[in-house]
Amino acid sequence: MSAAVDNQNLAPHDIPGTQQKLNTAKEKKDQGDQAFKSGDVKAALRSYHETLMYLHGIDKNALKALSGGAAPAPVDAAASAKQEQEKTEADIMMEKIYANMSACHIKQENWPRAIDTADKALAKNEANYKAMFRKAKALGEQGFFEKAYKLLDDIKTKSSADAPMADAELNRLRAIDKEKQKVSDKKLRGFLSRDKKETSPAS
């Protein structure tokens, strides 16, 4: 069997250099997690970005090994299972990183980036309720209350463990929404009252 054919049937970890990249990615992620816990959000984001660079490198190597086309038939079921397991390991790490990056952006009150990274985590796993919660929070902070309510209601329906957290955020956002509505109504009444005075005939 040629070396090219051998490479096609290798799982990502068997590709030269890939195991090392995965190990480095894990180290970078751990550094990011520690930085976040210590309150250094910028350092955490930097480590998470570096982690993603290594993980994307792993994906490219895997694709190269598969000859850039349809995946070849594995040698046996065990090889197939290992290949899927390795792919999943990288995906799971990326999902966690994107969810963690969303938390970092929330700390910085960068709501659009918080939503973007939460969406990327949800693209990897639609049942990542932490990412869904962070997206809802960022939407609510931008005044998109209805969209936030829908996501939080979804969390309550699908995850009993996260329901109390979703309930608390719903109550918080509804209070903010109600207060904004009061201010808006007061302004509107003021405008209507002023217009009425301006259009009233002089006595």
C-alpha atoms as a PDB file:
ATOM      1  CA  MET A   1       0.000   0.000   0.000  1.00  0.00           C
ATOM      2  CA  SER A   2       1.373   3.462  -0.891  1.00  0.00           C
ATOM      3  CA  ALA A   3       2.132   6.129   1.685  1.00  0.00           C
ATOM      4  CA  ALA A   4      -0.608   8.324   0.178  1.00  0.00           C
ATOM      5  CA  VAL A   5      -3.227   5.645   0.742  1.00  0.00           C
ATOM      6  CA  ASP A   6      -1.927   5.086   4.288  1.00  0.00           C
ATOM      7  CA  ASN A   7      -2.352   8.784   5.054  1.00  0.00           C
ATOM      8  CA  GLN A   8      -5.919   8.745   3.821  1.00  0.00           C
ATOM      9  CA  ASN A   9      -6.891   6.205   6.448  1.00  0.00           C
ATOM     10  CA  LEU A  10      -5.146   7.910   9.357  1.00  0.00           C
ATOM     11  CA  ALA A  11      -7.195   9.569  12.084  1.00  0.00           C
ATOM     12  CA  PRO A  12      -6.184  13.204  12.724  1.00  0.00           C
ATOM     13  CA  HIS A  13      -4.027  12.322  15.750  1.00  0.00           C
ATOM     14  CA  ASP A  14      -1.943   9.984  13.588  1.00  0.00           C
ATOM     15  CA  ILE A  15      -1.038  12.755  11.159  1.00  0.00           C
ATOM     16  CA  PRO A  16       2.480  14.029  11.995  1.00  0.00           C
ATOM     17  CA  GLY A  17       2.325  17.103  14.197  1.00  0.00           C
ATOM     18  CA  THR A  18      -1.411  16.986  14.846  1.00  0.00           C
ATOM     19  CA  GLN A  19      -1.171  15.457  18.333  1.00  0.00           C
ATOM     20  CA  GLN A  20       1.313  18.148  19.275  1.00  0.00           C
ATOM     21  CA  LYS A  21      -1.026  20.869  17.972  1.00  0.00           C
ATOM     22  CA  LEU A  22      -3.932  19.417  19.939  1.00  0.00           C
ATOM     23  CA  ASN A  23      -1.836  19.319  23.128  1.00  0.00           C
ATOM     24  CA  THR A  24      -0.741  22.925  22.585  1.00  0.00           C
ATOM     25  CA  ALA A  25      -4.362  23.935  21.950  1.00  0.00           C
ATOM     26  CA  LYS A  26      -5.371  22.370  25.283  1.00  0.00           C
ATOM     27  CA  GLU A  27      -2.577  24.246  27.066  1.00  0.00           C
ATOM     28  CA  LYS A  28      -3.639  27.548  25.477  1.00  0.00           C
ATOM     29  CA  LYS A  29      -7.259  26.918  26.452  1.00  0.00           C
ATOM     30  CA  ASP A  30      -6.212  26.181  30.052  1.00  0.00           C
ATOM     31  CA  GLN A  31      -4.238  29.440  30.091  1.00  0.00           C
ATOM     32  CA  GLY A  32      -7.324  31.276  28.836  1.00  0.00           C
ATOM     33  CA  ASP A  33      -9.519  29.667  31.483  1.00  0.00           C
ATOM     34  CA  GLN A  34      -7.083  30.648  34.250  1.00  0.00           C
ATOM     35  CA  ALA A  35      -6.813  34.217  32.940  1.00  0.00           C
ATOM     36  CA  PHE A  36     -10.612  34.525  32.870  1.00  0.00           C
ATOM     37  CA  LYS A  37     -10.905  33.222  36.438  1.00  0.00           C
ATOM     38  CA  SER A  38      -8.325  35.775  37.597  1.00  0.00           C
ATOM     39  CA  GLY A  39     -10.246  38.580  35.878  1.00  0.00           C
ATOM     40  CA  ASP A  40      -7.786  39.205  33.028  1.00  0.00           C
ATOM     41  CA  VAL A  41     -10.311  39.135  30.201  1.00  0.00           C
ATOM     42  CA  LYS A  42      -7.921  40.465  27.543  1.00  0.00           C
ATOM     43  CA  ALA A  43      -5.365  37.744  28.277  1.00  0.00           C
ATOM     44  CA  ALA A  44      -8.143  35.136  28.231  1.00  0.00           C
ATOM     45  CA  LEU A  45      -9.334  36.271  24.805  1.00  0.00           C
ATOM     46  CA  ARG A  46      -5.773  36.260  23.489  1.00  0.00           C
ATOM     47  CA  SER A  47      -5.252  32.662  24.661  1.00  0.00           C
ATOM     48  CA  TYR A  48      -8.590  31.566  23.218  1.00  0.00           C
ATOM     49  CA  HIS A  49      -7.738  33.131  19.842  1.00  0.00           C
ATOM     50  CA  GLU A  50      -4.415  31.282  19.839  1.00  0.00           C
ATOM     51  CA  THR A  51      -6.199  28.036  20.734  1.00  0.00           C
ATOM     52  CA  LEU A  52      -8.514  28.417  17.762  1.00  0.00           C
ATOM     53  CA  MET A  53      -5.530  28.943  15.457  1.00  0.00           C
ATOM     54  CA  TYR A  54      -4.101  25.595  16.517  1.00  0.00           C
ATOM     55  CA  LEU A  55      -7.457  23.843  16.227  1.00  0.00           C
ATOM     56  CA  HIS A  56      -8.097  25.241  12.753  1.00  0.00           C
ATOM     57  CA  GLY A  57      -4.628  24.000  11.835  1.00  0.00           C
ATOM     58  CA  ILE A  58      -5.654  20.515  12.948  1.00  0.00           C
ATOM     59  CA  ASP A  59      -8.741  20.673  10.744  1.00  0.00           C
ATOM     60  CA  LYS A  60      -6.640  21.657   7.720  1.00  0.00           C
ATOM     61  CA  ASN A  61      -4.243  18.781   8.287  1.00  0.00           C
ATOM     62  CA  ALA A  62      -7.138  16.359   8.580  1.00  0.00           C
ATOM     63  CA  LEU A  63      -8.649  17.609   5.337  1.00  0.00           C
ATOM     64  CA  LYS A  64      -5.269  17.343   3.607  1.00  0.00           C
ATOM     65  CA  ALA A  65      -4.955  13.755   4.784  1.00  0.00           C
ATOM     66  CA  LEU A  66      -8.347  12.992   3.299  1.00  0.00           C
ATOM     67  CA  SER A  67      -7.083  14.212  -0.105  1.00  0.00           C
ATOM     68  CA  GLY A  68      -9.424  17.175  -0.226  1.00  0.00           C
ATOM     69  CA  GLY A  69     -12.387  15.212  -1.547  1.00  0.00           C
ATOM     70  CA  ALA A  70     -14.977  12.786  -0.245  1.00  0.00           C
ATOM     71  CA  ALA A  71     -13.712  10.876   2.761  1.00  0.00           C
ATOM     72  CA  PRO A  72     -12.339   7.459   1.772  1.00  0.00           C
ATOM     73  CA  ALA A  73     -13.812   4.318   3.261  1.00  0.00           C
ATOM     74  CA  PRO A  74     -12.036   3.484   6.536  1.00  0.00           C
ATOM     75  CA  VAL A  75     -10.096   0.246   6.809  1.00  0.00           C
ATOM     76  CA  ASP A  76     -12.474  -1.042   9.467  1.00  0.00           C
ATOM     77  CA  ALA A  77     -15.166   0.038  11.936  1.00  0.00           C
ATOM     78  CA  ALA A  78     -12.593   0.753  14.658  1.00  0.00           C
ATOM     79  CA  ALA A  79     -10.705   3.152  12.383  1.00  0.00           C
ATOM     80  CA  SER A  80     -13.968   4.869  11.497  1.00  0.00           C
ATOM     81  CA  ALA A  81     -14.924   5.269  15.168  1.00  0.00           C
ATOM     82  CA  LYS A  82     -11.488   6.639  16.044  1.00  0.00           C
ATOM     83  CA  GLN A  83     -11.611   9.125  13.171  1.00  0.00           C
ATOM     84  CA  GLU A  84     -15.018  10.408  14.317  1.00  0.00           C
ATOM     85  CA  GLN A  85     -13.857  10.553  17.947  1.00  0.00           C
ATOM     86  CA  GLU A  86     -10.829  12.686  17.088  1.00  0.00           C
ATOM     87  CA  LYS A  87     -12.906  15.071  14.989  1.00  0.00           C
ATOM     88  CA  THR A  88     -15.404  15.392  17.818  1.00  0.00           C
ATOM     89  CA  GLU A  89     -12.665  16.182  20.344  1.00  0.00           C
ATOM     90  CA  ALA A  90     -11.581  19.236  18.346  1.00  0.00           C
ATOM     91  CA  ASP A  91     -15.196  20.314  17.808  1.00  0.00           C
ATOM     92  CA  ILE A  92     -15.998  20.065  21.516  1.00  0.00           C
ATOM     93  CA  MET A  93     -12.970  22.174  22.385  1.00  0.00           C
ATOM     94  CA  MET A  94     -13.941  24.829  19.824  1.00  0.00           C
ATOM     95  CA  GLU A  95     -17.499  24.878  21.175  1.00  0.00           C
ATOM     96  CA  LYS A  96     -16.232  25.526  24.720  1.00  0.00           C
ATOM     97  CA  ILE A  97     -13.812  28.202  23.544  1.00  0.00           C
ATOM     98  CA  TYR A  98     -16.477  30.117  21.614  1.00  0.00           C
ATOM     99  CA  ALA A  99     -18.816  29.917  24.629  1.00  0.00           C
ATOM    100  CA  ASN A 100     -16.003  31.168  26.898  1.00  0.00           C
ATOM    101  CA  MET A 101     -15.170  33.976  24.468  1.00  0.00           C
ATOM    102  CA  SER A 102     -18.809  35.027  24.612  1.00  0.00           C
ATOM    103  CA  ALA A 103     -18.487  35.298  28.411  1.00  0.00           C
ATOM    104  CA  CYS A 104     -15.360  37.444  27.958  1.00  0.00           C
ATOM    105  CA  HIS A 105     -17.144  39.795  25.560  1.00  0.00           C
ATOM    106  CA  ILE A 106     -20.038  40.117  28.016  1.00  0.00           C
ATOM    107  CA  LYS A 107     -17.530  41.179  30.706  1.00  0.00           C
ATOM    108  CA  GLN A 108     -16.323  43.864  28.279  1.00  0.00           C
ATOM    109  CA  GLU A 109     -19.924  44.781  27.380  1.00  0.00           C
ATOM    110  CA  ASN A 110     -19.135  44.068  23.738  1.00  0.00           C
ATOM    111  CA  TRP A 111     -22.626  42.780  23.004  1.00  0.00           C
ATOM    112  CA  PRO A 112     -22.309  42.173  19.211  1.00  0.00           C
ATOM    113  CA  ARG A 113     -19.168  40.049  19.682  1.00  0.00           C
ATOM    114  CA  ALA A 114     -20.807  38.218  22.585  1.00  0.00           C
ATOM    115  CA  ILE A 115     -23.664  37.246  20.265  1.00  0.00           C
ATOM    116  CA  ASP A 116     -21.330  36.305  17.410  1.00  0.00           C
ATOM    117  CA  THR A 117     -19.200  33.963  19.514  1.00  0.00           C
ATOM    118  CA  ALA A 118     -22.265  32.473  21.231  1.00  0.00           C
ATOM    119  CA  ASP A 119     -23.690  31.725  17.776  1.00  0.00           C
ATOM    120  CA  LYS A 120     -20.455  29.954  16.823  1.00  0.00           C
ATOM    121  CA  ALA A 121     -20.678  27.797  19.951  1.00  0.00           C
ATOM    122  CA  LEU A 122     -24.324  27.009  19.187  1.00  0.00           C
ATOM    123  CA  ALA A 123     -23.369  26.066  15.612  1.00  0.00           C
ATOM    124  CA  LYS A 124     -21.173  23.355  17.144  1.00  0.00           C
ATOM    125  CA  ASN A 125     -23.821  22.322  19.665  1.00  0.00           C
ATOM    126  CA  GLU A 126     -27.326  23.793  19.669  1.00  0.00           C
ATOM    127  CA  ALA A 127     -27.834  22.432  23.194  1.00  0.00           C
ATOM    128  CA  ASN A 128     -25.075  24.581  24.694  1.00  0.00           C
ATOM    129  CA  TYR A 129     -27.356  26.425  27.114  1.00  0.00           C
ATOM    130  CA  LYS A 130     -24.567  28.574  28.555  1.00  0.00           C
ATOM    131  CA  ALA A 131     -23.926  29.976  25.075  1.00  0.00           C
ATOM    132  CA  MET A 132     -27.668  30.408  24.544  1.00  0.00           C
ATOM    133  CA  PHE A 133     -27.966  32.237  27.863  1.00  0.00           C
ATOM    134  CA  ARG A 134     -25.084  34.564  26.979  1.00  0.00           C
ATOM    135  CA  LYS A 135     -26.630  35.333  23.620  1.00  0.00           C
ATOM    136  CA  ALA A 136     -29.940  36.131  25.320  1.00  0.00           C
ATOM    137  CA  LYS A 137     -28.206  38.413  27.830  1.00  0.00           C
ATOM    138  CA  ALA A 138     -26.359  40.290  25.071  1.00  0.00           C
ATOM    139  CA  LEU A 139     -29.564  40.675  23.058  1.00  0.00           C
ATOM    140  CA  GLY A 140     -31.392  42.008  26.107  1.00  0.00           C
ATOM    141  CA  GLU A 141     -28.625  44.495  26.846  1.00  0.00           C
ATOM    142  CA  GLN A 142     -29.061  45.861  23.328  1.00  0.00           C
ATOM    143  CA  GLY A 143     -32.813  46.224  23.802  1.00  0.00           C
ATOM    144  CA  PHE A 144     -33.851  43.191  21.747  1.00  0.00           C
ATOM    145  CA  PHE A 145     -36.101  41.992  24.547  1.00  0.00           C
ATOM    146  CA  GLU A 146     -38.457  39.772  22.563  1.00  0.00           C
ATOM    147  CA  LYS A 147     -35.563  37.810  21.025  1.00  0.00           C
ATOM    148  CA  ALA A 148     -33.964  37.464  24.451  1.00  0.00           C
ATOM    149  CA  TYR A 149     -37.235  36.292  26.026  1.00  0.00           C
ATOM    150  CA  LYS A 150     -37.631  33.589  23.370  1.00  0.00           C
ATOM    151  CA  LEU A 151     -34.154  32.187  24.003  1.00  0.00           C
ATOM    152  CA  LEU A 152     -34.592  32.250  27.775  1.00  0.00           C
ATOM    153  CA  ASP A 153     -37.974  30.521  27.495  1.00  0.00           C
ATOM    154  CA  ASP A 154     -36.264  27.907  25.300  1.00  0.00           C
ATOM    155  CA  ILE A 155     -33.679  27.296  28.010  1.00  0.00           C
ATOM    156  CA  LYS A 156     -36.405  26.899  30.643  1.00  0.00           C
ATOM    157  CA  THR A 157     -38.218  24.368  28.452  1.00  0.00           C
ATOM    158  CA  LYS A 158     -35.176  22.312  27.476  1.00  0.00           C
ATOM    159  CA  SER A 159     -32.874  22.444  30.513  1.00  0.00           C
ATOM    160  CA  SER A 160     -34.289  22.178  34.016  1.00  0.00           C
ATOM    161  CA  ALA A 161     -30.796  22.677  35.475  1.00  0.00           C
ATOM    162  CA  ASP A 162     -30.487  26.081  33.786  1.00  0.00           C
ATOM    163  CA  ALA A 163     -34.117  27.126  34.314  1.00  0.00           C
ATOM    164  CA  PRO A 164     -33.498  29.132  37.546  1.00  0.00           C
ATOM    165  CA  MET A 165     -30.737  31.142  35.851  1.00  0.00           C
ATOM    166  CA  ALA A 166     -32.976  31.779  32.833  1.00  0.00           C
ATOM    167  CA  ASP A 167     -35.854  32.808  35.126  1.00  0.00           C
ATOM    168  CA  ALA A 168     -33.662  35.305  36.983  1.00  0.00           C
ATOM    169  CA  GLU A 169     -32.489  36.861  33.718  1.00  0.00           C
ATOM    170  CA  LEU A 170     -36.058  37.004  32.398  1.00  0.00           C
ATOM    171  CA  ASN A 171     -37.150  38.888  35.517  1.00  0.00           C
ATOM    172  CA  ARG A 172     -34.186  41.264  35.236  1.00  0.00           C
ATOM    173  CA  LEU A 173     -34.801  42.014  31.558  1.00  0.00           C
ATOM    174  CA  ARG A 174     -38.549  42.456  32.062  1.00  0.00           C
ATOM    175  CA  ALA A 175     -37.863  45.019  34.809  1.00  0.00           C
ATOM    176  CA  ILE A 176     -35.503  46.901  32.468  1.00  0.00           C
ATOM    177  CA  ASP A 177     -38.006  46.666  29.616  1.00  0.00           C
ATOM    178  CA  LYS A 178     -40.815  47.952  31.852  1.00  0.00           C
ATOM    179  CA  GLU A 179     -38.712  50.878  33.068  1.00  0.00           C
ATOM    180  CA  LYS A 180     -37.726  51.813  29.503  1.00  0.00           C
ATOM    181  CA  GLN A 181     -41.379  51.664  28.492  1.00  0.00           C
ATOM    182  CA  LYS A 182     -42.308  54.026  31.353  1.00  0.00           C
ATOM    183  CA  VAL A 183     -39.647  56.524  30.237  1.00  0.00           C
ATOM    184  CA  SER A 184     -40.817  56.231  26.633  1.00  0.00           C
ATOM    185  CA  ASP A 185     -44.470  56.754  27.606  1.00  0.00           C
ATOM    186  CA  LYS A 186     -43.543  59.779  29.739  1.00  0.00           C
ATOM    187  CA  LYS A 187     -41.662  61.352  26.822  1.00  0.00           C
ATOM    188  CA  LEU A 188     -44.574  60.682  24.495  1.00  0.00           C
ATOM    189  CA  ARG A 189     -47.027  62.294  26.910  1.00  0.00           C
ATOM    190  CA  GLY A 190     -44.705  65.295  27.150  1.00  0.00           C
ATOM    191  CA  PHE A 191     -44.558  65.654  23.362  1.00  0.00           C
ATOM    192  CA  LEU A 192     -48.329  65.322  23.027  1.00  0.00           C
ATOM    193  CA  SER A 193     -48.893  67.892  25.775  1.00  0.00           C
ATOM    194  CA  ARG A 194     -46.461  70.337  24.140  1.00  0.00           C
ATOM    195  CA  ASP A 195     -48.051  69.856  20.716  1.00  0.00           C
ATOM    196  CA  LYS A 196     -51.499  70.434  22.202  1.00  0.00           C
ATOM    197  CA  LYS A 197     -50.375  73.746  23.754  1.00  0.00           C
ATOM    198  CA  GLU A 198     -48.728  74.877  20.513  1.00  0.00           C
ATOM    199  CA  THR A 199     -51.813  74.141  18.439  1.00  0.00           C
ATOM    200  CA  SER A 200     -54.351  75.596  20.938  1.00  0.00           C
ATOM    201  CA  PRO A 201     -55.889  78.907  19.818  1.00  0.00           C
ATOM    202  CA  ALA A 202     -54.803  81.996  21.764  1.00  0.00           C
ATOM    203  CA  SER A 203     -57.453  83.350  24.175  1.00  0.00           C
END
